[in-house]
Amino acid sequence: MNNWSDLEPELFVELLRSGQLDAEQIIDVREEAEWEYYHLEQSSLIPMNTIPDRLHELAADKTLYIVCAHGVRSAAVCHFLQQKGYDSLRNVAGGMAAIASLYDGFQYD
């Protein structure tokens, strides 16, 4: 059973616009090349395959919003983090593809 949940992209964007989220809470698990193409300015890049070695970088005392391209990798990361004891996790449904249609605060490198 999951103790994490999907979060609709509309609600995620509302949290972004209201300034309620910071880079410590928004974890982008895409690969660096995907990140370089575009990303949320107030997010942290921790590619999915590096999560096990970088757990110490994740705030255990805050809700973490996990995002990827379409929501599949981020769901897998939520499942993994749940097994590691994290209990305040939200998978952003639809990922960056869904966010992009609702939000214009992207950083392009």
PDB file of N, CA and C in Angstrom:
ATOM      1  N   MET A   1       0.837  -1.195   0.000  1.00  0.00           N
ATOM      2  CA  MET A   1       0.000   0.000   0.000  1.00  0.00           C
ATOM      3  C   MET A   1       0.878   1.254   0.000  1.00  0.00           C
ATOM      4  N   ASN A   2       0.453   2.247  -0.747  1.00  0.00           N
ATOM      5  CA  ASN A   2       1.207   3.502  -0.832  1.00  0.00           C
ATOM      6  C   ASN A   2       0.882   4.408   0.348  1.00  0.00           C
ATOM      7  N   ASN A   3       1.895   5.033   0.907  1.00  0.00           N
ATOM      8  CA  ASN A   3       1.634   6.128   1.838  1.00  0.00           C
ATOM      9  C   ASN A   3       2.059   7.441   1.182  1.00  0.00           C
ATOM     10  N   TRP A   4       2.168   7.419  -0.121  1.00  0.00           N
ATOM     11  CA  TRP A   4       2.388   8.620  -0.914  1.00  0.00           C
ATOM     12  C   TRP A   4       1.196   8.729  -1.865  1.00  0.00           C
ATOM     13  N   SER A   5       1.039   9.877  -2.455  1.00  0.00           N
ATOM     14  CA  SER A   5      -0.102  10.049  -3.342  1.00  0.00           C
ATOM     15  C   SER A   5       0.275  10.893  -4.549  1.00  0.00           C
ATOM     16  N   ASP A   6      -0.530  10.734  -5.594  1.00  0.00           N
ATOM     17  CA  ASP A   6      -0.382  11.580  -6.772  1.00  0.00           C
ATOM     18  C   ASP A   6      -0.966  12.951  -6.454  1.00  0.00           C
ATOM     19  N   LEU A   7      -0.372  13.960  -7.017  1.00  0.00           N
ATOM     20  CA  LEU A   7      -0.868  15.329  -6.893  1.00  0.00           C
ATOM     21  C   LEU A   7      -1.151  15.832  -8.299  1.00  0.00           C
ATOM     22  N   GLU A   8      -2.350  16.326  -8.499  1.00  0.00           N
ATOM     23  CA  GLU A   8      -2.714  16.854  -9.811  1.00  0.00           C
ATOM     24  C   GLU A   8      -1.820  18.050 -10.144  1.00  0.00           C
ATOM     25  N   PRO A   9      -1.411  18.185 -11.411  1.00  0.00           N
ATOM     26  CA  PRO A   9      -0.512  19.273 -11.787  1.00  0.00           C
ATOM     27  C   PRO A   9      -1.098  20.655 -11.501  1.00  0.00           C
ATOM     28  N   GLU A  10      -2.414  20.801 -11.591  1.00  0.00           N
ATOM     29  CA  GLU A  10      -3.040  22.090 -11.299  1.00  0.00           C
ATOM     30  C   GLU A  10      -2.791  22.512  -9.850  1.00  0.00           C
ATOM     31  N   LEU A  11      -2.894  21.560  -8.926  1.00  0.00           N
ATOM     32  CA  LEU A  11      -2.650  21.864  -7.509  1.00  0.00           C
ATOM     33  C   LEU A  11      -1.174  22.156  -7.266  1.00  0.00           C
ATOM     34  N   PHE A  12      -0.303  21.416  -7.944  1.00  0.00           N
ATOM     35  CA  PHE A  12       1.133  21.657  -7.826  1.00  0.00           C
ATOM     36  C   PHE A  12       1.474  23.076  -8.293  1.00  0.00           C
ATOM     37  N   VAL A  13       0.920  23.479  -9.434  1.00  0.00           N
ATOM     38  CA  VAL A  13       1.180  24.817  -9.963  1.00  0.00           C
ATOM     39  C   VAL A  13       0.641  25.885  -9.015  1.00  0.00           C
ATOM     40  N   GLU A  14      -0.496  25.649  -8.396  1.00  0.00           N
ATOM     41  CA  GLU A  14      -1.013  26.598  -7.400  1.00  0.00           C
ATOM     42  C   GLU A  14      -0.024  26.780  -6.254  1.00  0.00           C
ATOM     43  N   LEU A  15       0.552  25.683  -5.785  1.00  0.00           N
ATOM     44  CA  LEU A  15       1.554  25.760  -4.713  1.00  0.00           C
ATOM     45  C   LEU A  15       2.790  26.527  -5.172  1.00  0.00           C
ATOM     46  N   LEU A  16       3.222  26.291  -6.410  1.00  0.00           N
ATOM     47  CA  LEU A  16       4.370  27.018  -6.970  1.00  0.00           C
ATOM     48  C   LEU A  16       4.092  28.521  -7.020  1.00  0.00           C
ATOM     49  N   ARG A  17       2.958  28.864  -7.596  1.00  0.00           N
ATOM     50  CA  ARG A  17       2.619  30.281  -7.770  1.00  0.00           C
ATOM     51  C   ARG A  17       2.459  31.002  -6.443  1.00  0.00           C
ATOM     52  N   SER A  18       2.009  30.299  -5.426  1.00  0.00           N
ATOM     53  CA  SER A  18       1.799  30.926  -4.119  1.00  0.00           C
ATOM     54  C   SER A  18       3.084  31.002  -3.300  1.00  0.00           C
ATOM     55  N   GLY A  19       4.172  30.450  -3.833  1.00  0.00           N
ATOM     56  CA  GLY A  19       5.452  30.518  -3.135  1.00  0.00           C
ATOM     57  C   GLY A  19       5.570  29.575  -1.954  1.00  0.00           C
ATOM     58  N   GLN A  20       4.745  28.535  -1.926  1.00  0.00           N
ATOM     59  CA  GLN A  20       4.754  27.611  -0.799  1.00  0.00           C
ATOM     60  C   GLN A  20       5.801  26.505  -0.914  1.00  0.00           C
ATOM     61  N   LEU A  21       6.472  26.405  -2.067  1.00  0.00           N
ATOM     62  CA  LEU A  21       7.443  25.343  -2.291  1.00  0.00           C
ATOM     63  C   LEU A  21       8.825  25.928  -2.523  1.00  0.00           C
ATOM     64  N   ASP A  22       9.845  25.188  -2.101  1.00  0.00           N
ATOM     65  CA  ASP A  22      11.215  25.621  -2.359  1.00  0.00           C
ATOM     66  C   ASP A  22      12.000  24.490  -3.018  1.00  0.00           C
ATOM     67  N   ALA A  23      13.218  24.791  -3.429  1.00  0.00           N
ATOM     68  CA  ALA A  23      14.039  23.833  -4.167  1.00  0.00           C
ATOM     69  C   ALA A  23      14.349  22.588  -3.350  1.00  0.00           C
ATOM     70  N   GLU A  24      14.303  22.698  -2.038  1.00  0.00           N
ATOM     71  CA  GLU A  24      14.546  21.542  -1.180  1.00  0.00           C
ATOM     72  C   GLU A  24      13.388  20.549  -1.243  1.00  0.00           C
ATOM     73  N   GLN A  25      12.211  21.030  -1.627  1.00  0.00           N
ATOM     74  CA  GLN A  25      11.021  20.176  -1.658  1.00  0.00           C
ATOM     75  C   GLN A  25      10.712  19.608  -3.034  1.00  0.00           C
ATOM     76  N   ILE A  26      11.103  20.283  -4.096  1.00  0.00           N
ATOM     77  CA  ILE A  26      10.787  19.842  -5.454  1.00  0.00           C
ATOM     78  C   ILE A  26      11.999  19.097  -6.003  1.00  0.00           C
ATOM     79  N   ILE A  27      11.838  17.788  -6.140  1.00  0.00           N
ATOM     80  CA  ILE A  27      12.933  16.940  -6.598  1.00  0.00           C
ATOM     81  C   ILE A  27      12.626  16.466  -8.013  1.00  0.00           C
ATOM     82  N   ASP A  28      13.456  16.891  -8.946  1.00  0.00           N
ATOM     83  CA  ASP A  28      13.327  16.512 -10.352  1.00  0.00           C
ATOM     84  C   ASP A  28      14.227  15.299 -10.571  1.00  0.00           C
ATOM     85  N   VAL A  29      13.628  14.166 -10.929  1.00  0.00           N
ATOM     86  CA  VAL A  29      14.390  12.924 -11.052  1.00  0.00           C
ATOM     87  C   VAL A  29      14.728  12.582 -12.509  1.00  0.00           C
ATOM     88  N   ARG A  30      14.566  13.554 -13.409  1.00  0.00           N
ATOM     89  CA  ARG A  30      14.945  13.329 -14.801  1.00  0.00           C
ATOM     90  C   ARG A  30      16.461  13.316 -14.930  1.00  0.00           C
ATOM     91  N   GLU A  31      16.930  12.984 -16.101  1.00  0.00           N
ATOM     92  CA  GLU A  31      18.369  12.989 -16.376  1.00  0.00           C
ATOM     93  C   GLU A  31      18.851  14.419 -16.621  1.00  0.00           C
ATOM     94  N   GLU A  32      20.147  14.622 -16.495  1.00  0.00           N
ATOM     95  CA  GLU A  32      20.711  15.968 -16.625  1.00  0.00           C
ATOM     96  C   GLU A  32      20.396  16.611 -17.978  1.00  0.00           C
ATOM     97  N   ALA A  33      20.430  15.843 -19.055  1.00  0.00           N
ATOM     98  CA  ALA A  33      20.131  16.408 -20.380  1.00  0.00           C
ATOM     99  C   ALA A  33      18.684  16.910 -20.446  1.00  0.00           C
ATOM    100  N   GLU A  34      17.767  16.192 -19.806  1.00  0.00           N
ATOM    101  CA  GLU A  34      16.372  16.637 -19.765  1.00  0.00           C
ATOM    102  C   GLU A  34      16.258  17.925 -18.953  1.00  0.00           C
ATOM    103  N   TRP A  35      16.967  17.978 -17.842  1.00  0.00           N
ATOM    104  CA  TRP A  35      16.998  19.142 -16.953  1.00  0.00           C
ATOM    105  C   TRP A  35      17.531  20.356 -17.698  1.00  0.00           C
ATOM    106  N   GLU A  36      18.617  20.151 -18.452  1.00  0.00           N
ATOM    107  CA  GLU A  36      19.232  21.264 -19.170  1.00  0.00           C
ATOM    108  C   GLU A  36      18.298  21.827 -20.236  1.00  0.00           C
ATOM    109  N   TYR A  37      17.457  20.988 -20.797  1.00  0.00           N
ATOM    110  CA  TYR A  37      16.508  21.464 -21.813  1.00  0.00           C
ATOM    111  C   TYR A  37      15.529  22.447 -21.176  1.00  0.00           C
ATOM    112  N   TYR A  38      14.926  22.069 -20.047  1.00  0.00           N
ATOM    113  CA  TYR A  38      14.105  22.981 -19.259  1.00  0.00           C
ATOM    114  C   TYR A  38      13.819  22.369 -17.900  1.00  0.00           C
ATOM    115  N   HIS A  39      13.655  23.243 -16.914  1.00  0.00           N
ATOM    116  CA  HIS A  39      13.340  22.785 -15.564  1.00  0.00           C
ATOM    117  C   HIS A  39      12.689  23.912 -14.776  1.00  0.00           C
ATOM    118  N   LEU A  40      12.124  23.550 -13.669  1.00  0.00           N
ATOM    119  CA  LEU A  40      11.565  24.547 -12.766  1.00  0.00           C
ATOM    120  C   LEU A  40      12.703  25.202 -12.008  1.00  0.00           C
ATOM    121  N   GLU A  41      12.716  26.508 -12.005  1.00  0.00           N
ATOM    122  CA  GLU A  41      13.800  27.234 -11.351  1.00  0.00           C
ATOM    123  C   GLU A  41      13.928  26.842  -9.881  1.00  0.00           C
ATOM    124  N   GLN A  42      12.796  26.630  -9.216  1.00  0.00           N
ATOM    125  CA  GLN A  42      12.823  26.324  -7.793  1.00  0.00           C
ATOM    126  C   GLN A  42      12.775  24.816  -7.530  1.00  0.00           C
ATOM    127  N   SER A  43      13.609  24.060  -8.260  1.00  0.00           N
ATOM    128  CA  SER A  43      13.671  22.611  -8.049  1.00  0.00           C
ATOM    129  C   SER A  43      15.117  22.163  -7.934  1.00  0.00           C
ATOM    130  N   SER A  44      15.290  20.944  -7.435  1.00  0.00           N
ATOM    131  CA  SER A  44      16.613  20.340  -7.314  1.00  0.00           C
ATOM    132  C   SER A  44      16.686  19.130  -8.225  1.00  0.00           C
ATOM    133  N   LEU A  45      17.779  19.006  -8.950  1.00  0.00           N
ATOM    134  CA  LEU A  45      17.984  17.850  -9.817  1.00  0.00           C
ATOM    135  C   LEU A  45      18.668  16.744  -9.029  1.00  0.00           C
ATOM    136  N   ILE A  46      17.990  15.616  -8.923  1.00  0.00           N
ATOM    137  CA  ILE A  46      18.586  14.392  -8.371  1.00  0.00           C
ATOM    138  C   ILE A  46      18.082  13.258  -9.261  1.00  0.00           C
ATOM    139  N   PRO A  47      18.835  12.932 -10.329  1.00  0.00           N
ATOM    140  CA  PRO A  47      18.374  11.899 -11.256  1.00  0.00           C
ATOM    141  C   PRO A  47      18.012  10.598 -10.537  1.00  0.00           C
ATOM    142  N   MET A  48      17.018   9.937 -11.068  1.00  0.00           N
ATOM    143  CA  MET A  48      16.472   8.730 -10.452  1.00  0.00           C
ATOM    144  C   MET A  48      17.559   7.738 -10.043  1.00  0.00           C
ATOM    145  N   ASN A  49      18.506   7.484 -10.917  1.00  0.00           N
ATOM    146  CA  ASN A  49      19.526   6.474 -10.618  1.00  0.00           C
ATOM    147  C   ASN A  49      20.501   6.910  -9.532  1.00  0.00           C
ATOM    148  N   THR A  50      20.476   8.173  -9.131  1.00  0.00           N
ATOM    149  CA  THR A  50      21.388   8.640  -8.067  1.00  0.00           C
ATOM    150  C   THR A  50      20.688   8.760  -6.715  1.00  0.00           C
ATOM    151  N   ILE A  51      19.376   8.566  -6.683  1.00  0.00           N
ATOM    152  CA  ILE A  51      18.615   8.724  -5.438  1.00  0.00           C
ATOM    153  C   ILE A  51      19.191   7.883  -4.293  1.00  0.00           C
ATOM    154  N   PRO A  52      19.477   6.582  -4.496  1.00  0.00           N
ATOM    155  CA  PRO A  52      19.970   5.783  -3.362  1.00  0.00           C
ATOM    156  C   PRO A  52      21.232   6.357  -2.705  1.00  0.00           C
ATOM    157  N   ASP A  53      22.116   6.940  -3.505  1.00  0.00           N
ATOM    158  CA  ASP A  53      23.355   7.499  -2.974  1.00  0.00           C
ATOM    159  C   ASP A  53      23.203   8.916  -2.445  1.00  0.00           C
ATOM    160  N   ARG A  54      22.053   9.541  -2.685  1.00  0.00           N
ATOM    161  CA  ARG A  54      21.877  10.945  -2.307  1.00  0.00           C
ATOM    162  C   ARG A  54      20.727  11.157  -1.322  1.00  0.00           C
ATOM    163  N   LEU A  55      20.318  10.098  -0.653  1.00  0.00           N
ATOM    164  CA  LEU A  55      19.229  10.216   0.318  1.00  0.00           C
ATOM    165  C   LEU A  55      19.506  11.296   1.356  1.00  0.00           C
ATOM    166  N   HIS A  56      20.770  11.468   1.712  1.00  0.00           N
ATOM    167  CA  HIS A  56      21.137  12.472   2.722  1.00  0.00           C
ATOM    168  C   HIS A  56      20.805  13.900   2.274  1.00  0.00           C
ATOM    169  N   GLU A  57      20.572  14.094   0.988  1.00  0.00           N
ATOM    170  CA  GLU A  57      20.224  15.424   0.468  1.00  0.00           C
ATOM    171  C   GLU A  57      18.731  15.725   0.547  1.00  0.00           C
ATOM    172  N   LEU A  58      17.925  14.720   0.856  1.00  0.00           N
ATOM    173  CA  LEU A  58      16.474  14.881   0.868  1.00  0.00           C
ATOM    174  C   LEU A  58      15.985  15.252   2.264  1.00  0.00           C
ATOM    175  N   ALA A  59      15.167  16.276   2.329  1.00  0.00           N
ATOM    176  CA  ALA A  59      14.609  16.737   3.606  1.00  0.00           C
ATOM    177  C   ALA A  59      13.568  15.727   4.098  1.00  0.00           C
ATOM    178  N   ALA A  60      13.850  15.075   5.196  1.00  0.00           N
ATOM    179  CA  ALA A  60      12.928  14.084   5.744  1.00  0.00           C
ATOM    180  C   ALA A  60      11.784  14.734   6.515  1.00  0.00           C
ATOM    181  N   ASP A  61      11.939  16.005   6.843  1.00  0.00           N
ATOM    182  CA  ASP A  61      10.943  16.690   7.673  1.00  0.00           C
ATOM    183  C   ASP A  61       9.985  17.566   6.862  1.00  0.00           C
ATOM    184  N   LYS A  62      10.052  17.485   5.531  1.00  0.00           N
ATOM    185  CA  LYS A  62       9.182  18.283   4.664  1.00  0.00           C
ATOM    186  C   LYS A  62       8.490  17.379   3.663  1.00  0.00           C
ATOM    187  N   THR A  63       7.376  17.847   3.133  1.00  0.00           N
ATOM    188  CA  THR A  63       6.740  17.139   2.036  1.00  0.00           C
ATOM    189  C   THR A  63       7.617  17.298   0.804  1.00  0.00           C
ATOM    190  N   LEU A  64       7.915  16.181   0.151  1.00  0.00           N
ATOM    191  CA  LEU A  64       8.711  16.200  -1.069  1.00  0.00           C
ATOM    192  C   LEU A  64       7.789  16.008  -2.266  1.00  0.00           C
ATOM    193  N   TYR A  65       7.983  16.833  -3.272  1.00  0.00           N
ATOM    194  CA  TYR A  65       7.220  16.779  -4.512  1.00  0.00           C
ATOM    195  C   TYR A  65       8.159  16.232  -5.576  1.00  0.00           C
ATOM    196  N   ILE A  66       7.890  15.025  -6.024  1.00  0.00           N
ATOM    197  CA  ILE A  66       8.771  14.336  -6.954  1.00  0.00           C
ATOM    198  C   ILE A  66       8.207  14.499  -8.363  1.00  0.00           C
ATOM    199  N   VAL A  67       9.068  14.941  -9.288  1.00  0.00           N
ATOM    200  CA  VAL A  67       8.626  15.216 -10.657  1.00  0.00           C
ATOM    201  C   VAL A  67       9.611  14.600 -11.654  1.00  0.00           C
ATOM    202  N   CYS A  68       9.056  14.127 -12.766  1.00  0.00           N
ATOM    203  CA  CYS A  68       9.864  13.631 -13.876  1.00  0.00           C
ATOM    204  C   CYS A  68       9.211  14.127 -15.167  1.00  0.00           C
ATOM    205  N   ALA A  69       9.428  13.457 -16.260  1.00  0.00           N
ATOM    206  CA  ALA A  69       8.864  13.922 -17.525  1.00  0.00           C
ATOM    207  C   ALA A  69       7.355  13.703 -17.620  1.00  0.00           C
ATOM    208  N   HIS A  70       6.897  12.516 -17.203  1.00  0.00           N
ATOM    209  CA  HIS A  70       5.478  12.187 -17.362  1.00  0.00           C
ATOM    210  C   HIS A  70       4.843  11.570 -16.118  1.00  0.00           C
ATOM    211  N   GLY A  71       5.595  11.378 -15.051  1.00  0.00           N
ATOM    212  CA  GLY A  71       5.032  10.860 -13.812  1.00  0.00           C
ATOM    213  C   GLY A  71       5.326   9.403 -13.518  1.00  0.00           C
ATOM    214  N   VAL A  72       6.004   8.721 -14.426  1.00  0.00           N
ATOM    215  CA  VAL A  72       6.295   7.298 -14.217  1.00  0.00           C
ATOM    216  C   VAL A  72       7.529   7.108 -13.333  1.00  0.00           C
ATOM    217  N   ARG A  73       8.629   7.740 -13.696  1.00  0.00           N
ATOM    218  CA  ARG A  73       9.841   7.617 -12.874  1.00  0.00           C
ATOM    219  C   ARG A  73       9.615   8.183 -11.481  1.00  0.00           C
ATOM    220  N   SER A  74       8.892   9.292 -11.411  1.00  0.00           N
ATOM    221  CA  SER A  74       8.651   9.907 -10.100  1.00  0.00           C
ATOM    222  C   SER A  74       7.810   8.998  -9.212  1.00  0.00           C
ATOM    223  N   ALA A  75       6.867   8.250  -9.787  1.00  0.00           N
ATOM    224  CA  ALA A  75       6.091   7.290  -8.995  1.00  0.00           C
ATOM    225  C   ALA A  75       7.001   6.192  -8.453  1.00  0.00           C
ATOM    226  N   ALA A  76       7.929   5.724  -9.274  1.00  0.00           N
ATOM    227  CA  ALA A  76       8.879   4.702  -8.822  1.00  0.00           C
ATOM    228  C   ALA A  76       9.765   5.242  -7.700  1.00  0.00           C
ATOM    229  N   VAL A  77      10.184   6.490  -7.813  1.00  0.00           N
ATOM    230  CA  VAL A  77      11.011   7.100  -6.766  1.00  0.00           C
ATOM    231  C   VAL A  77      10.196   7.251  -5.482  1.00  0.00           C
ATOM    232  N   CYS A  78       8.945   7.640  -5.594  1.00  0.00           N
ATOM    233  CA  CYS A  78       8.089   7.729  -4.397  1.00  0.00           C
ATOM    234  C   CYS A  78       7.993   6.379  -3.708  1.00  0.00           C
ATOM    235  N   HIS A  79       7.808   5.332  -4.478  1.00  0.00           N
ATOM    236  CA  HIS A  79       7.731   3.981  -3.916  1.00  0.00           C
ATOM    237  C   HIS A  79       9.037   3.631  -3.192  1.00  0.00           C
ATOM    238  N   PHE A  80      10.170   3.909  -3.828  1.00  0.00           N
ATOM    239  CA  PHE A  80      11.475   3.635  -3.220  1.00  0.00           C
ATOM    240  C   PHE A  80      11.654   4.428  -1.932  1.00  0.00           C
ATOM    241  N   LEU A  81      11.343   5.722  -1.976  1.00  0.00           N
ATOM    242  CA  LEU A  81      11.518   6.566  -0.792  1.00  0.00           C
ATOM    243  C   LEU A  81      10.594   6.138   0.345  1.00  0.00           C
ATOM    244  N   GLN A  82       9.411   5.695   0.006  1.00  0.00           N
ATOM    245  CA  GLN A  82       8.488   5.169   1.012  1.00  0.00           C
ATOM    246  C   GLN A  82       9.138   3.998   1.741  1.00  0.00           C
ATOM    247  N   GLN A  83       9.782   3.110   0.990  1.00  0.00           N
ATOM    248  CA  GLN A  83      10.454   1.962   1.590  1.00  0.00           C
ATOM    249  C   GLN A  83      11.626   2.382   2.468  1.00  0.00           C
ATOM    250  N   LYS A  84      12.170   3.552   2.206  1.00  0.00           N
ATOM    251  CA  LYS A  84      13.292   4.065   2.994  1.00  0.00           C
ATOM    252  C   LYS A  84      12.829   4.910   4.180  1.00  0.00           C
ATOM    253  N   GLY A  85      11.519   4.984   4.393  1.00  0.00           N
ATOM    254  CA  GLY A  85      11.000   5.661   5.570  1.00  0.00           C
ATOM    255  C   GLY A  85      10.458   7.057   5.361  1.00  0.00           C
ATOM    256  N   TYR A  86      10.499   7.567   4.146  1.00  0.00           N
ATOM    257  CA  TYR A  86       9.913   8.881   3.872  1.00  0.00           C
ATOM    258  C   TYR A  86       8.405   8.717   3.812  1.00  0.00           C
ATOM    259  N   ASP A  87       7.682   9.598   4.484  1.00  0.00           N
ATOM    260  CA  ASP A  87       6.239   9.405   4.523  1.00  0.00           C
ATOM    261  C   ASP A  87       5.429  10.606   4.067  1.00  0.00           C
ATOM    262  N   SER A  88       6.087  11.650   3.646  1.00  0.00           N
ATOM    263  CA  SER A  88       5.358  12.811   3.145  1.00  0.00           C
ATOM    264  C   SER A  88       5.820  13.079   1.713  1.00  0.00           C
ATOM    265  N   LEU A  89       5.238  12.317   0.792  1.00  0.00           N
ATOM    266  CA  LEU A  89       5.662  12.331  -0.604  1.00  0.00           C
ATOM    267  C   LEU A  89       4.478  12.576  -1.516  1.00  0.00           C
ATOM    268  N   ARG A  90       4.718  13.358  -2.576  1.00  0.00           N
ATOM    269  CA  ARG A  90       3.697  13.588  -3.598  1.00  0.00           C
ATOM    270  C   ARG A  90       4.334  13.385  -4.970  1.00  0.00           C
ATOM    271  N   ASN A  91       3.722  12.520  -5.745  1.00  0.00           N
ATOM    272  CA  ASN A  91       4.133  12.312  -7.127  1.00  0.00           C
ATOM    273  C   ASN A  91       3.324  13.281  -7.989  1.00  0.00           C
ATOM    274  N   VAL A  92       3.999  14.165  -8.707  1.00  0.00           N
ATOM    275  CA  VAL A  92       3.285  15.125  -9.544  1.00  0.00           C
ATOM    276  C   VAL A  92       2.808  14.404 -10.804  1.00  0.00           C
ATOM    277  N   ALA A  93       1.493  14.159 -10.858  1.00  0.00           N
ATOM    278  CA  ALA A  93       0.885  13.401 -11.951  1.00  0.00           C
ATOM    279  C   ALA A  93       1.112  14.110 -13.286  1.00  0.00           C
ATOM    280  N   GLY A  94       1.512  13.332 -14.274  1.00  0.00           N
ATOM    281  CA  GLY A  94       1.730  13.892 -15.602  1.00  0.00           C
ATOM    282  C   GLY A  94       3.076  14.549 -15.789  1.00  0.00           C
ATOM    283  N   GLY A  95       3.813  14.749 -14.704  1.00  0.00           N
ATOM    284  CA  GLY A  95       5.160  15.279 -14.763  1.00  0.00           C
ATOM    285  C   GLY A  95       5.294  16.643 -15.422  1.00  0.00           C
ATOM    286  N   MET A  96       6.489  16.881 -15.936  1.00  0.00           N
ATOM    287  CA  MET A  96       6.793  18.171 -16.543  1.00  0.00           C
ATOM    288  C   MET A  96       5.920  18.435 -17.770  1.00  0.00           C
ATOM    289  N   ALA A  97       5.517  17.385 -18.458  1.00  0.00           N
ATOM    290  CA  ALA A  97       4.645  17.573 -19.626  1.00  0.00           C
ATOM    291  C   ALA A  97       3.338  18.239 -19.210  1.00  0.00           C
ATOM    292  N   ALA A  98       2.772  17.797 -18.099  1.00  0.00           N
ATOM    293  CA  ALA A  98       1.515  18.379 -17.619  1.00  0.00           C
ATOM    294  C   ALA A  98       1.745  19.772 -17.028  1.00  0.00           C
ATOM    295  N   ILE A  99       2.828  19.938 -16.307  1.00  0.00           N
ATOM    296  CA  ILE A  99       3.136  21.231 -15.688  1.00  0.00           C
ATOM    297  C   ILE A  99       3.348  22.293 -16.772  1.00  0.00           C
ATOM    298  N   ALA A 100       4.029  21.910 -17.848  1.00  0.00           N
ATOM    299  CA  ALA A 100       4.360  22.864 -18.920  1.00  0.00           C
ATOM    300  C   ALA A 100       3.136  23.502 -19.545  1.00  0.00           C
ATOM    301  N   SER A 101       2.024  22.784 -19.547  1.00  0.00           N
ATOM    302  CA  SER A 101       0.823  23.357 -20.145  1.00  0.00           C
ATOM    303  C   SER A 101       0.122  24.345 -19.209  1.00  0.00           C
ATOM    304  N   LEU A 102       0.586  24.420 -17.971  1.00  0.00           N
ATOM    305  CA  LEU A 102      -0.077  25.247 -16.954  1.00  0.00           C
ATOM    306  C   LEU A 102       0.793  26.355 -16.378  1.00  0.00           C
ATOM    307  N   TYR A 103       2.086  26.257 -16.571  1.00  0.00           N
ATOM    308  CA  TYR A 103       3.012  27.129 -15.831  1.00  0.00           C
ATOM    309  C   TYR A 103       4.105  27.615 -16.762  1.00  0.00           C
ATOM    310  N   ASP A 104       4.481  28.888 -16.613  1.00  0.00           N
ATOM    311  CA  ASP A 104       5.525  29.428 -17.490  1.00  0.00           C
ATOM    312  C   ASP A 104       6.820  29.762 -16.767  1.00  0.00           C
ATOM    313  N   GLY A 105       6.987  29.307 -15.545  1.00  0.00           N
ATOM    314  CA  GLY A 105       8.193  29.631 -14.777  1.00  0.00           C
ATOM    315  C   GLY A 105       9.312  28.643 -14.939  1.00  0.00           C
ATOM    316  N   PHE A 106       9.706  28.397 -16.193  1.00  0.00           N
ATOM    317  CA  PHE A 106      10.762  27.451 -16.456  1.00  0.00           C
ATOM    318  C   PHE A 106      12.084  28.151 -16.691  1.00  0.00           C
ATOM    319  N   GLN A 107      13.150  27.452 -16.384  1.00  0.00           N
ATOM    320  CA  GLN A 107      14.508  27.902 -16.652  1.00  0.00           C
ATOM    321  C   GLN A 107      15.008  27.109 -17.845  1.00  0.00           C
ATOM    322  N   TYR A 108      15.504  27.787 -18.860  1.00  0.00           N
ATOM    323  CA  TYR A 108      16.061  27.128 -20.039  1.00  0.00           C
ATOM    324  C   TYR A 108      17.547  27.392 -20.065  1.00  0.00           C
ATOM    325  N   ASP A 109      18.325  26.322 -20.157  1.00  0.00           N
ATOM    326  CA  ASP A 109      19.778  26.470 -20.180  1.00  0.00           C
ATOM    327  C   ASP A 109      20.313  26.403 -21.599  1.00  0.00           C
TER     328      ASP A 109
END
